[in-house]
Amino acid sequence: MQGRPKGGKNKYYSKEEKLKYIKQMLEGRSCWDIERKDGIGHAITNRWLKNYNDLGEDGLENKKKPGNPLCKYSNKKTLTDIEKLQYENMKLKIENERLKKGYLVKGDGSVVVFKK
């Protein structure tokens, strides 16, 4: 059975691993053979191949999404003094960026209104 294990994370493939499979496919190994023997879905290998053909090796780079920077602080029950300061600093930076873009923040920041 393929896919993500229950409660687990998606499998991560480095650029080097992707390149290894792409070279095998370019030498004649089928994506179906890779799926059977290595457990990598043929849709994924086909996407890697398309990205490689379109963008070269740069197309195999993993694109990390930034996520929410406040998440690591808001999930903790107790914060050290330094973490409290970092959390407050990050909130102020976000508020500053919102104000630069023309957003008005009311209250605790949960209400954001665009002002003209």
C-alpha atoms as a PDB file:
ATOM      1  CA  MET A   1       0.000   0.000   0.000  1.00  0.00           C
ATOM      2  CA  GLN A   2       1.362   3.366  -0.963  1.00  0.00           C
ATOM      3  CA  GLY A   3       0.757   6.831   0.321  1.00  0.00           C
ATOM      4  CA  ARG A   4       1.214   8.448   3.652  1.00  0.00           C
ATOM      5  CA  PRO A   5       1.170   6.158   6.684  1.00  0.00           C
ATOM      6  CA  LYS A   6      -1.750   6.820   9.024  1.00  0.00           C
ATOM      7  CA  GLY A   7      -0.906   9.798  11.200  1.00  0.00           C
ATOM      8  CA  GLY A   8       2.452  10.239   9.472  1.00  0.00           C
ATOM      9  CA  LYS A   9       3.984  12.772   7.161  1.00  0.00           C
ATOM     10  CA  ASN A  10       4.436  12.681   3.418  1.00  0.00           C
ATOM     11  CA  LYS A  11       7.623  11.034   2.156  1.00  0.00           C
ATOM     12  CA  TYR A  12      10.372  13.530   1.441  1.00  0.00           C
ATOM     13  CA  TYR A  13      12.647  13.007  -1.558  1.00  0.00           C
ATOM     14  CA  SER A  14      15.820  15.038  -1.878  1.00  0.00           C
ATOM     15  CA  LYS A  15      16.899  16.581  -5.162  1.00  0.00           C
ATOM     16  CA  GLU A  16      19.620  13.907  -5.475  1.00  0.00           C
ATOM     17  CA  GLU A  17      17.126  11.050  -5.028  1.00  0.00           C
ATOM     18  CA  LYS A  18      14.808  12.542  -7.628  1.00  0.00           C
ATOM     19  CA  LEU A  19      17.711  13.004 -10.044  1.00  0.00           C
ATOM     20  CA  LYS A  20      18.739   9.353  -9.570  1.00  0.00           C
ATOM     21  CA  TYR A  21      15.276   8.143 -10.606  1.00  0.00           C
ATOM     22  CA  ILE A  22      15.065  10.641 -13.483  1.00  0.00           C
ATOM     23  CA  LYS A  23      18.379   9.375 -14.890  1.00  0.00           C
ATOM     24  CA  GLN A  24      17.102   5.803 -14.639  1.00  0.00           C
ATOM     25  CA  MET A  25      13.956   6.797 -16.535  1.00  0.00           C
ATOM     26  CA  LEU A  26      16.000   8.562 -19.212  1.00  0.00           C
ATOM     27  CA  GLU A  27      18.079   5.387 -19.614  1.00  0.00           C
ATOM     28  CA  GLY A  28      14.909   3.392 -20.313  1.00  0.00           C
ATOM     29  CA  ARG A  29      13.565   2.225 -16.949  1.00  0.00           C
ATOM     30  CA  SER A  30       9.791   2.624 -16.856  1.00  0.00           C
ATOM     31  CA  CYS A  31       7.951   4.579 -14.184  1.00  0.00           C
ATOM     32  CA  TRP A  32       5.829   1.472 -13.577  1.00  0.00           C
ATOM     33  CA  ASP A  33       8.978  -0.529 -12.766  1.00  0.00           C
ATOM     34  CA  ILE A  34      10.058   2.180 -10.317  1.00  0.00           C
ATOM     35  CA  GLU A  35       6.616   2.059  -8.719  1.00  0.00           C
ATOM     36  CA  ARG A  36       6.707  -1.728  -8.297  1.00  0.00           C
ATOM     37  CA  LYS A  37      10.285  -2.063  -7.077  1.00  0.00           C
ATOM     38  CA  ASP A  38      10.896   1.219  -5.212  1.00  0.00           C
ATOM     39  CA  GLY A  39       7.385   2.098  -4.078  1.00  0.00           C
ATOM     40  CA  ILE A  40       7.272   5.540  -5.688  1.00  0.00           C
ATOM     41  CA  GLY A  41       4.028   6.317  -7.496  1.00  0.00           C
ATOM     42  CA  HIS A  42       4.222   6.723 -11.258  1.00  0.00           C
ATOM     43  CA  ALA A  43       2.366  10.048 -11.079  1.00  0.00           C
ATOM     44  CA  ILE A  44       5.140  11.455  -8.892  1.00  0.00           C
ATOM     45  CA  THR A  45       7.956  10.220 -11.123  1.00  0.00           C
ATOM     46  CA  ASN A  46       6.147  11.547 -14.200  1.00  0.00           C
ATOM     47  CA  ARG A  47       5.824  14.967 -12.501  1.00  0.00           C
ATOM     48  CA  TRP A  48       9.538  14.914 -11.658  1.00  0.00           C
ATOM     49  CA  LEU A  49      10.350  14.047 -15.277  1.00  0.00           C
ATOM     50  CA  LYS A  50       8.149  16.846 -16.611  1.00  0.00           C
ATOM     51  CA  ASN A  51       9.710  19.371 -14.203  1.00  0.00           C
ATOM     52  CA  TYR A  52      13.177  18.139 -15.180  1.00  0.00           C
ATOM     53  CA  ASN A  53      12.394  18.522 -18.897  1.00  0.00           C
ATOM     54  CA  ASP A  54      10.907  21.993 -18.388  1.00  0.00           C
ATOM     55  CA  LEU A  55      13.340  23.490 -15.856  1.00  0.00           C
ATOM     56  CA  GLY A  56      16.330  21.157 -15.683  1.00  0.00           C
ATOM     57  CA  GLU A  57      17.757  20.189 -12.298  1.00  0.00           C
ATOM     58  CA  ASP A  58      16.262  23.343 -10.745  1.00  0.00           C
ATOM     59  CA  GLY A  59      12.827  21.841 -11.379  1.00  0.00           C
ATOM     60  CA  LEU A  60      13.629  19.098  -8.858  1.00  0.00           C
ATOM     61  CA  GLU A  61      14.226  21.524  -5.969  1.00  0.00           C
ATOM     62  CA  ASN A  62      11.815  21.139  -3.071  1.00  0.00           C
ATOM     63  CA  LYS A  63       9.737  24.231  -2.478  1.00  0.00           C
ATOM     64  CA  LYS A  64       9.359  24.797   1.216  1.00  0.00           C
ATOM     65  CA  LYS A  65       6.387  26.870   2.249  1.00  0.00           C
ATOM     66  CA  PRO A  66       7.054  29.354   5.042  1.00  0.00           C
ATOM     67  CA  GLY A  67       4.030  28.537   7.229  1.00  0.00           C
ATOM     68  CA  ASN A  68       2.940  30.564  10.220  1.00  0.00           C
ATOM     69  CA  PRO A  69       5.909  31.999  12.151  1.00  0.00           C
ATOM     70  CA  LEU A  70       3.828  32.516  15.308  1.00  0.00           C
ATOM     71  CA  CYS A  71       2.819  28.865  15.486  1.00  0.00           C
ATOM     72  CA  LYS A  72       5.894  27.686  17.389  1.00  0.00           C
ATOM     73  CA  TYR A  73       5.165  30.181  20.171  1.00  0.00           C
ATOM     74  CA  SER A  74       1.389  29.916  20.362  1.00  0.00           C
ATOM     75  CA  ASN A  75       1.436  26.118  20.774  1.00  0.00           C
ATOM     76  CA  LYS A  76       3.566  26.223  23.935  1.00  0.00           C
ATOM     77  CA  LYS A  77       1.955  26.515  27.337  1.00  0.00           C
ATOM     78  CA  THR A  78       4.893  28.235  29.010  1.00  0.00           C
ATOM     79  CA  LEU A  79       7.362  30.512  27.286  1.00  0.00           C
ATOM     80  CA  THR A  80      10.755  31.619  28.523  1.00  0.00           C
ATOM     81  CA  ASP A  81      11.424  35.348  28.802  1.00  0.00           C
ATOM     82  CA  ILE A  82      13.386  35.321  25.543  1.00  0.00           C
ATOM     83  CA  GLU A  83      10.591  33.445  23.749  1.00  0.00           C
ATOM     84  CA  LYS A  84       8.034  35.952  25.066  1.00  0.00           C
ATOM     85  CA  LEU A  85      10.135  38.802  23.677  1.00  0.00           C
ATOM     86  CA  GLN A  86      10.592  37.024  20.333  1.00  0.00           C
ATOM     87  CA  TYR A  87       6.837  36.374  20.149  1.00  0.00           C
ATOM     88  CA  GLU A  88       5.994  40.005  20.901  1.00  0.00           C
ATOM     89  CA  ASN A  89       8.616  41.215  18.415  1.00  0.00           C
ATOM     90  CA  MET A  90       7.209  38.969  15.689  1.00  0.00           C
ATOM     91  CA  LYS A  91       3.650  40.166  16.360  1.00  0.00           C
ATOM     92  CA  LEU A  92       4.807  43.782  16.078  1.00  0.00           C
ATOM     93  CA  LYS A  93       6.628  43.061  12.802  1.00  0.00           C
ATOM     94  CA  ILE A  94       3.485  41.488  11.360  1.00  0.00           C
ATOM     95  CA  GLU A  95       1.372  44.431  12.506  1.00  0.00           C
ATOM     96  CA  ASN A  96       3.885  46.842  10.964  1.00  0.00           C
ATOM     97  CA  GLU A  97       3.768  45.006   7.622  1.00  0.00           C
ATOM     98  CA  ARG A  98      -0.031  45.038   7.676  1.00  0.00           C
ATOM     99  CA  LEU A  99      -0.056  48.777   8.331  1.00  0.00           C
ATOM    100  CA  LYS A 100       2.359  49.331   5.419  1.00  0.00           C
ATOM    101  CA  LYS A 101      -0.069  47.497   3.138  1.00  0.00           C
ATOM    102  CA  GLY A 102      -3.018  49.577   4.347  1.00  0.00           C
ATOM    103  CA  TYR A 103      -4.662  47.208   6.804  1.00  0.00           C
ATOM    104  CA  LEU A 104      -6.138  48.467  10.058  1.00  0.00           C
ATOM    105  CA  VAL A 105      -5.832  45.996  12.929  1.00  0.00           C
ATOM    106  CA  LYS A 106      -8.408  46.201  15.707  1.00  0.00           C
ATOM    107  CA  GLY A 107      -8.238  44.687  19.174  1.00  0.00           C
ATOM    108  CA  ASP A 108      -6.014  41.639  19.572  1.00  0.00           C
ATOM    109  CA  GLY A 109      -5.340  41.396  15.824  1.00  0.00           C
ATOM    110  CA  SER A 110      -8.138  38.989  15.013  1.00  0.00           C
ATOM    111  CA  VAL A 111     -10.083  41.739  13.191  1.00  0.00           C
ATOM    112  CA  VAL A 112      -8.289  43.164  10.145  1.00  0.00           C
ATOM    113  CA  VAL A 113      -9.938  45.845   8.007  1.00  0.00           C
ATOM    114  CA  PHE A 114      -8.548  47.202   4.757  1.00  0.00           C
ATOM    115  CA  LYS A 115      -8.500  51.010   4.803  1.00  0.00           C
ATOM    116  CA  LYS A 116      -8.263  53.198   1.739  1.00  0.00           C
END
